[in-house]
């Protein structure tokens, strides 16, 4: 039994049993992947995969039972390597961060700048995606830490920590009727076409829930994952934009005006997450604290020691 065999099994599952993609991911050949899997099956005395001809189509019942053990062995091997590197190269190495566009564009830059001054030898890799994709990158080991607003708490395999609260703002061009000084209400908003986030992004669920509670049907004419896109179309007069408050900057967005919508929509929480059981190198703890100062190493380690059910009530 060797780690290449274990990786072949894990990647086969992750790549939808497509051995061509597995071979590309592992930098080997398709016959080599097949051989690694078959040799492990022969050693274990069980078949891990359902086959149709030479194609893998799914996991057998034994394969389903064995897969979590394989995942754990590979995770422990990664932890062992990271622990050794933390002593031999304590201030150098890779750091992969997965984040939604809003977090990458507006929340992360200052933290990345400050962290780079402290750890110039750390190579940072920033991945962007939906909250679900952020979670999947953490679970696959592609990212060390993830930052998003929604979805992260839905995965028991992740340790999630609250970072900061934020609200939405309404953005319109100068001279728009909503700038008449009258109170901003959902009813008034619903009179205009709206431009806001895709479902599952940046607090969109709270926007939908607010209108639903009031029995108001908004006219959402365009959605996007990117606040800059939303602001662009709001500036063109396509509709009233609803964006995260952190996405509006008076200096950059001179052709727009912002109205606070914190009283209309539920407050949102940005969360940071990492894979449960993962060994975090010292500089990873440092980055977490740089991004969210209340999340000291002691707080993070305390959260990591909790069970998923205990973590539900964890706060800082």
Protein backbone atom coordinates (compact mmCIF):
# COMPACT_ATOMS: atom_id res chain seq x y z
CA UNK A 1 0.00 0.00 0.00
CA UNK A 2 1.34 3.45 -0.89
CA UNK A 3 0.13 7.05 -1.02
CA UNK A 4 -0.05 7.11 -4.82
CA UNK A 5 -2.60 4.30 -4.67
CA UNK A 6 -4.62 6.18 -2.08
CA UNK A 7 -4.47 9.40 -4.11
CA UNK A 8 -5.65 7.54 -7.21
CA UNK A 9 -8.73 6.31 -5.37
CA UNK A 10 -9.50 9.72 -3.88
CA UNK A 11 -9.08 11.56 -7.17
CA UNK A 12 -11.20 9.01 -9.01
CA UNK A 13 -14.09 9.88 -6.72
CA UNK A 14 -13.45 13.61 -6.88
CA UNK A 15 -13.19 13.60 -10.69
CA UNK A 16 -16.47 11.73 -11.20
CA UNK A 17 -14.66 8.44 -12.00
CA UNK A 18 -13.07 9.98 -15.11
CA UNK A 19 -9.63 8.37 -15.19
CA UNK A 20 -8.36 10.75 -17.88
CA UNK A 21 -8.94 13.69 -15.52
CA UNK A 22 -7.46 11.69 -12.62
CA UNK A 23 -4.30 11.04 -14.61
CA UNK A 24 -3.99 14.73 -15.46
CA UNK A 25 -4.47 15.74 -11.84
CA UNK A 26 -1.84 13.27 -10.63
CA UNK A 27 0.56 13.92 -13.53
CA UNK A 28 0.59 10.31 -14.63
CA UNK A 29 -1.01 8.08 -17.29
CA UNK A 30 -4.49 6.59 -17.33
CA UNK A 31 -3.14 3.01 -17.36
CA UNK A 32 -0.96 3.98 -14.41
CA UNK A 33 -4.00 5.15 -12.44
CA UNK A 34 -5.89 1.94 -13.26
CA UNK A 35 -2.93 -0.13 -12.14
CA UNK A 36 -2.59 1.76 -8.84
CA UNK A 37 -6.28 1.25 -8.06
CA UNK A 38 -6.24 -2.42 -9.00
CA UNK A 39 -3.11 -3.11 -6.94
CA UNK A 40 -4.72 -1.53 -3.88
CA UNK A 41 -7.89 -3.56 -4.39
CA UNK A 42 -5.83 -6.74 -4.72
CA UNK A 43 -3.94 -5.97 -1.51
CA UNK A 44 -7.14 -5.20 0.41
CA UNK A 45 -9.00 -8.14 -1.08
CA UNK A 46 -12.05 -6.06 -2.03
CA UNK A 47 -13.30 -4.12 -5.05
CA UNK A 48 -13.60 -0.41 -4.34
CA UNK A 49 -15.28 0.59 -7.61
CA UNK A 50 -18.22 -0.55 -9.70
CA UNK A 51 -17.05 -1.21 -13.25
CA UNK A 52 -18.73 -1.39 -16.62
CA UNK A 53 -16.09 -2.87 -18.87
CA UNK A 54 -12.97 -0.88 -18.09
CA UNK A 55 -14.88 2.21 -16.95
CA UNK A 56 -15.41 3.12 -13.30
CA UNK A 57 -19.02 4.12 -12.66
CA UNK A 58 -19.27 4.38 -8.89
CA UNK A 59 -18.17 3.11 -5.50
CA UNK A 60 -19.02 -0.34 -4.21
CA UNK A 61 -20.37 -0.70 -0.68
CA UNK A 62 -16.87 -1.58 0.63
CA UNK A 63 -15.49 1.39 -1.32
CA UNK A 64 -17.98 3.70 0.35
CA UNK A 65 -16.83 2.45 3.76
CA UNK A 66 -13.12 2.64 2.94
CA UNK A 67 -13.11 6.10 1.29
CA UNK A 68 -13.29 8.11 4.58
CA UNK A 69 -10.30 6.13 5.88
CA UNK A 70 -8.34 6.94 2.73
CA UNK A 71 -9.28 10.62 3.04
CA UNK A 72 -8.12 10.59 6.67
CA UNK A 73 -4.80 8.91 5.87
CA UNK A 74 -4.03 11.45 3.15
CA UNK A 75 -5.09 14.33 5.38
CA UNK A 76 -2.84 13.06 8.18
CA UNK A 77 0.05 12.80 5.72
CA UNK A 78 -0.50 16.43 4.69
CA UNK A 79 -0.64 17.44 8.35
CA UNK A 80 2.63 15.62 9.02
CA UNK A 81 4.38 17.43 6.18
CA UNK A 82 3.01 20.79 7.29
CA UNK A 83 4.07 20.18 10.90
CA UNK A 84 7.61 19.39 9.76
CA UNK A 85 7.73 22.47 7.53
CA UNK A 86 6.53 24.63 10.39
CA UNK A 87 9.77 23.80 12.21
CA UNK A 88 12.16 23.73 9.25
CA UNK A 89 10.70 26.71 7.33
CA UNK A 90 8.51 28.49 9.84
CA UNK A 91 8.09 31.71 7.85
CA UNK A 92 8.04 30.38 4.29
CA UNK A 93 5.65 28.27 2.25
CA UNK A 94 2.33 28.38 0.40
CA UNK A 95 -0.97 29.82 1.59
CA UNK A 96 -4.08 29.22 -0.52
CA UNK A 97 -7.15 31.33 0.21
CA UNK A 98 -10.58 30.74 -1.33
CA UNK A 99 -13.03 33.64 -1.23
CA UNK A 100 -16.08 35.05 -2.93
CA UNK A 101 -15.58 38.02 -5.24
CA UNK A 102 -16.83 40.57 -2.69
CA UNK A 103 -14.43 39.31 -0.02
CA UNK A 104 -11.50 39.09 -2.45
CA UNK A 105 -12.16 42.52 -3.92
CA UNK A 106 -13.13 44.56 -0.87
CA UNK A 107 -12.33 42.79 2.42
CA UNK A 108 -9.05 40.98 1.76
CA UNK A 109 -6.66 43.50 0.14
CA UNK A 110 -5.57 45.33 3.29
CA UNK A 111 -5.09 42.06 5.18
CA UNK A 112 -3.04 40.59 2.32
CA UNK A 113 -0.89 43.75 2.19
CA UNK A 114 -0.21 43.71 5.94
CA UNK A 115 0.45 39.97 5.98
CA UNK A 116 2.92 40.20 3.08
CA UNK A 117 4.94 42.75 5.03
CA UNK A 118 5.22 40.26 7.91
CA UNK A 119 5.81 37.14 5.79
CA UNK A 120 7.43 38.09 2.47
CA UNK A 121 8.50 34.48 1.84
CA UNK A 122 4.97 33.10 1.95
CA UNK A 123 3.55 32.50 -1.52
CA UNK A 124 -0.14 33.40 -1.60
CA UNK A 125 -2.65 31.93 -4.03
CA UNK A 126 -6.12 33.48 -4.14
CA UNK A 127 -9.01 31.44 -5.56
CA UNK A 128 -12.43 32.96 -6.21
CA UNK A 129 -15.79 31.23 -6.44
CA UNK A 130 -19.28 30.92 -5.07
CA UNK A 131 -19.72 30.12 -1.36
CA UNK A 132 -20.34 26.48 -2.32
CA UNK A 133 -17.19 26.42 -4.44
CA UNK A 134 -15.22 27.97 -1.56
CA UNK A 135 -16.40 25.14 0.71
CA UNK A 136 -15.52 22.52 -1.91
CA UNK A 137 -12.01 23.95 -2.34
CA UNK A 138 -11.49 23.65 1.41
CA UNK A 139 -12.79 20.07 1.53
CA UNK A 140 -10.60 19.01 -1.41
CA UNK A 141 -7.48 20.57 0.13
CA UNK A 142 -7.13 23.07 -2.72
CA UNK A 143 -7.43 25.93 -0.21
CA UNK A 144 -6.14 26.31 3.35
CA UNK A 145 -8.73 28.85 4.48
CA UNK A 146 -11.97 30.09 2.97
CA UNK A 147 -13.86 33.35 3.40
CA UNK A 148 -17.51 33.78 2.46
CA UNK A 149 -20.85 34.96 3.81
CA UNK A 150 -23.14 32.05 3.08
CA UNK A 151 -22.94 28.25 2.90
CA UNK A 152 -19.81 27.58 4.99
CA UNK A 153 -21.75 26.65 8.13
CA UNK A 154 -23.60 23.93 6.20
CA UNK A 155 -20.54 21.65 6.15
CA UNK A 156 -19.75 19.68 9.31
CA UNK A 157 -16.29 18.92 7.93
CA UNK A 158 -15.37 22.60 8.22
CA UNK A 159 -14.53 24.71 11.26
CA UNK A 160 -16.22 28.08 10.74
CA UNK A 161 -15.54 31.29 12.64
CA UNK A 162 -17.43 34.61 12.57
CA UNK A 163 -15.30 37.52 11.30
CA UNK A 164 -17.40 40.65 10.92
CA UNK A 165 -20.97 41.80 10.35
CA UNK A 166 -22.07 43.94 7.44
CA UNK A 167 -25.17 45.33 5.79
CA UNK A 168 -26.41 46.16 2.30
CA UNK A 169 -26.63 49.52 0.58
CA UNK A 170 -28.86 50.73 -2.24
CA UNK A 171 -26.95 52.48 -5.04
CA UNK A 172 -28.51 54.82 -7.62
CA UNK A 173 -27.34 57.56 -10.01
CA UNK A 174 -27.53 61.22 -8.88
CA UNK A 175 -31.04 62.64 -9.23
CA UNK A 176 -32.80 59.33 -8.73
CA UNK A 177 -36.27 59.55 -7.10
CA UNK A 178 -35.07 57.49 -4.11
CA UNK A 179 -32.77 60.39 -3.17
CA UNK A 180 -35.73 62.65 -2.29
CA UNK A 181 -35.10 62.36 1.45
CA UNK A 182 -38.12 60.17 2.14
CA UNK A 183 -37.56 57.00 4.21
CA UNK A 184 -36.28 54.02 2.24
CA UNK A 185 -38.76 51.13 2.40
CA UNK A 186 -39.16 47.80 0.65
CA UNK A 187 -42.38 49.07 -0.89
CA UNK A 188 -40.54 52.03 -2.45
CA UNK A 189 -37.74 49.79 -3.69
CA UNK A 190 -40.23 47.44 -5.33
CA UNK A 191 -41.45 50.27 -7.57
CA UNK A 192 -38.16 50.17 -9.46
CA UNK A 193 -36.31 47.41 -11.37
CA UNK A 194 -33.56 45.97 -9.18
CA UNK A 195 -30.04 44.77 -9.91
CA UNK A 196 -28.39 42.61 -7.25
CA UNK A 197 -26.46 39.42 -6.47
CA UNK A 198 -27.02 35.94 -7.83
CA UNK A 199 -28.79 33.51 -5.51
CA UNK A 200 -26.36 32.17 -2.92
CA UNK A 201 -24.01 35.18 -3.09
CA UNK A 202 -23.28 37.98 -0.65
CA UNK A 203 -26.41 37.90 1.49
CA UNK A 204 -28.87 37.50 -1.40
CA UNK A 205 -30.99 35.15 0.72
CA UNK A 206 -31.58 37.96 3.26
CA UNK A 207 -32.76 40.25 0.47
CA UNK A 208 -35.26 37.68 -0.78
CA UNK A 209 -36.44 36.87 2.75
CA UNK A 210 -37.09 40.54 3.56
CA UNK A 211 -39.34 41.05 0.52
CA UNK A 212 -41.12 37.75 1.17
CA UNK A 213 -41.90 38.68 4.81
CA UNK A 214 -43.51 41.91 3.65
CA UNK A 215 -45.44 40.19 0.90
CA UNK A 216 -43.75 42.44 -1.67
CA UNK A 217 -42.76 41.12 -5.09
CA UNK A 218 -39.60 42.87 -6.36
CA UNK A 219 -38.72 43.16 -10.04
CA UNK A 220 -35.16 41.85 -10.24
CA UNK A 221 -34.04 42.47 -13.82
CA UNK A 222 -30.39 41.42 -13.58
CA UNK A 223 -28.23 39.47 -11.15
CA UNK A 224 -24.45 39.05 -10.92
CA UNK A 225 -21.88 37.63 -8.53
CA UNK A 226 -19.76 40.77 -8.85
CA UNK A 227 -20.63 44.03 -7.06
CA UNK A 228 -18.71 46.01 -9.68
CA UNK A 229 -21.01 44.63 -12.38
CA UNK A 230 -24.08 45.53 -10.32
CA UNK A 231 -22.80 49.08 -9.82
CA UNK A 232 -22.02 49.44 -13.52
CA UNK A 233 -25.58 48.64 -14.55
CA UNK A 234 -27.05 50.76 -11.77
CA UNK A 235 -24.94 53.67 -13.04
CA UNK A 236 -26.33 53.10 -16.55
CA UNK A 237 -29.86 53.36 -15.18
CA UNK A 238 -30.82 49.73 -15.80
CA UNK A 239 -32.09 49.43 -12.24
CA UNK A 240 -31.55 50.21 -8.58
CA UNK A 241 -28.50 48.35 -7.29
CA UNK A 242 -28.37 46.46 -3.99
CA UNK A 243 -24.79 45.70 -2.95
CA UNK A 244 -22.77 44.96 0.16
CA UNK A 245 -21.99 48.22 1.95
CA UNK A 246 -18.26 47.46 1.80
CA UNK A 247 -18.51 47.46 -2.01
CA UNK A 248 -19.34 51.18 -2.20
CA UNK A 249 -16.58 53.77 -2.11
CA UNK A 250 -17.41 57.45 -2.55
CA UNK A 251 -14.10 58.20 -4.28
CA UNK A 252 -14.30 55.33 -6.78
CA UNK A 253 -18.07 55.38 -7.29
CA UNK A 254 -18.46 59.08 -8.00
CA UNK A 255 -21.34 58.55 -10.43
CA UNK A 256 -23.45 56.77 -7.83
CA UNK A 257 -25.06 57.64 -4.52
CA UNK A 258 -25.55 55.12 -1.68
CA UNK A 259 -28.46 54.75 0.72
CA UNK A 260 -28.08 52.63 3.85
CA UNK A 261 -30.36 49.58 3.69
CA UNK A 262 -29.31 48.08 7.00
CA UNK A 263 -32.80 48.55 8.41
CA UNK A 264 -34.40 46.67 5.50
CA UNK A 265 -32.34 43.50 5.29
CA UNK A 266 -30.97 41.21 7.99
CA UNK A 267 -27.37 41.80 9.05
CA UNK A 268 -24.91 39.47 7.30
CA UNK A 269 -21.95 37.65 8.81
CA UNK A 270 -18.71 37.01 6.94
CA UNK A 271 -17.14 33.77 8.09
CA UNK A 272 -13.71 32.20 7.83
CA UNK A 273 -13.38 28.44 7.56
CA UNK A 274 -10.79 25.68 7.34
CA UNK A 275 -10.97 21.91 7.08
CA UNK A 276 -11.66 20.16 10.39
CA UNK A 277 -8.58 18.28 11.53
CA UNK A 278 -6.19 20.21 9.26
CA UNK A 279 -2.84 21.27 10.69
CA UNK A 280 -2.53 25.04 10.34
CA UNK A 281 0.96 26.41 10.04
CA UNK A 282 1.93 29.30 12.32
CA UNK A 283 1.74 31.86 9.53
CA UNK A 284 -1.81 30.72 8.71
CA UNK A 285 -2.86 31.64 12.24
CA UNK A 286 -1.12 34.96 11.72
CA UNK A 287 -3.04 35.65 8.52
CA UNK A 288 -6.34 34.79 10.19
CA UNK A 289 -5.63 37.26 12.98
CA UNK A 290 -4.52 39.90 10.47
CA UNK A 291 -7.83 39.54 8.63
CA UNK A 292 -9.98 39.33 11.78
CA UNK A 293 -8.07 40.53 14.89
CA UNK A 294 -10.44 38.85 17.40
CA UNK A 295 -9.52 35.47 15.88
CA UNK A 296 -6.31 34.89 17.79
CA UNK A 297 -4.58 31.53 17.65
CA UNK A 298 -6.07 30.63 21.02
CA UNK A 299 -9.60 31.39 19.80
CA UNK A 300 -9.10 29.46 16.56
CA UNK A 301 -7.68 26.43 18.36
CA UNK A 302 -10.56 26.52 20.83
CA UNK A 303 -13.08 26.53 17.98
CA UNK A 304 -11.25 23.67 16.24
CA UNK A 305 -11.51 21.54 19.40
CA UNK A 306 -15.31 21.76 19.47
CA UNK A 307 -17.64 19.21 17.92
CA UNK A 308 -19.84 20.43 15.03
CA UNK A 309 -22.86 20.69 17.35
CA UNK A 310 -20.89 22.64 19.98
CA UNK A 311 -19.49 24.94 17.30
CA UNK A 312 -22.99 26.10 16.32
CA UNK A 313 -23.16 28.33 19.40
CA UNK A 314 -19.51 29.44 19.25
CA UNK A 315 -19.05 33.22 19.09
CA UNK A 316 -16.31 35.76 19.74
